[in-house]
Amino acid sequence: MATPARRTSKARKRLRRGHIKLTTPNLSLDPKTGEYTMPHHVSPSGFYKGRKVIKDNK
């Protein structure tokens, strides 16, 4: 098995890994309920595209 001839420096290693990071989720404000939801997902109150799609269990 091949082994590296030289040790990879910290700077070179960090340059290579610079794109690995956490991203914030895309949130959009629902105008009808005023809640933040992820795109193409049902809101916590059961609305999708301004329509009620999930009934309340009451």
Protein backbone atom coordinates (compact mmCIF):
# COMPACT_ATOMS: atom_id res chain seq x y z
CA MET A 1 0.00 0.00 0.00
CA ALA A 2 1.32 3.42 -0.93
CA THR A 3 2.23 5.86 1.82
CA PRO A 4 2.57 9.63 1.45
CA ALA A 5 6.13 10.86 1.09
CA ARG A 6 5.42 14.06 3.02
CA ARG A 7 2.99 14.96 5.73
CA THR A 8 0.03 17.13 4.64
CA SER A 9 0.32 20.50 6.35
CA LYS A 10 -2.51 21.96 8.40
CA ALA A 11 -2.98 24.82 5.93
CA ARG A 12 -3.24 22.52 2.92
CA LYS A 13 -5.63 20.23 4.75
CA ARG A 14 -7.83 23.15 5.78
CA LEU A 15 -7.84 24.57 2.24
CA ARG A 16 -9.15 21.26 0.98
CA ARG A 17 -11.83 21.08 3.65
CA GLY A 18 -12.94 24.70 3.35
CA HIS A 19 -16.22 23.87 1.63
CA ILE A 20 -17.38 21.46 4.37
CA LYS A 21 -19.68 23.52 6.57
CA LEU A 22 -23.18 23.71 7.99
CA THR A 23 -25.83 25.55 6.03
CA THR A 24 -28.90 27.29 7.35
CA PRO A 25 -32.23 25.80 6.26
CA ASN A 26 -34.26 27.71 3.69
CA LEU A 27 -37.33 29.08 5.45
CA SER A 28 -40.20 31.00 3.92
CA LEU A 29 -42.92 32.95 5.70
CA ASP A 30 -46.43 31.61 5.12
CA PRO A 31 -48.63 34.68 4.54
CA LYS A 32 -51.83 32.99 5.75
CA THR A 33 -50.60 31.59 9.07
CA GLY A 34 -47.55 33.80 9.67
CA GLU A 35 -45.37 30.75 10.40
CA TYR A 36 -41.99 29.93 8.97
CA THR A 37 -41.99 26.72 6.93
CA MET A 38 -39.56 24.89 4.71
CA PRO A 39 -40.38 25.05 0.99
CA HIS A 40 -42.55 22.18 -0.28
CA HIS A 41 -43.42 21.10 3.29
CA VAL A 42 -46.63 21.29 5.30
CA SER A 43 -46.62 23.91 8.05
CA PRO A 44 -46.97 22.80 11.69
CA SER A 45 -50.60 24.00 11.68
CA GLY A 46 -51.44 21.84 8.63
CA PHE A 47 -51.39 24.37 5.79
CA TYR A 48 -49.78 23.85 2.37
CA LYS A 49 -49.86 26.54 -0.35
CA GLY A 50 -52.50 28.46 1.60
CA ARG A 51 -54.89 25.49 1.92
CA LYS A 52 -55.65 23.36 4.98
CA VAL A 53 -54.48 19.84 4.10
CA ILE A 54 -54.37 18.16 7.53
CA LYS A 55 -57.44 18.03 9.77
CA ASP A 56 -57.23 18.90 13.44
CA ASN A 57 -57.57 15.96 15.83
CA LYS A 58 -60.04 17.65 18.13
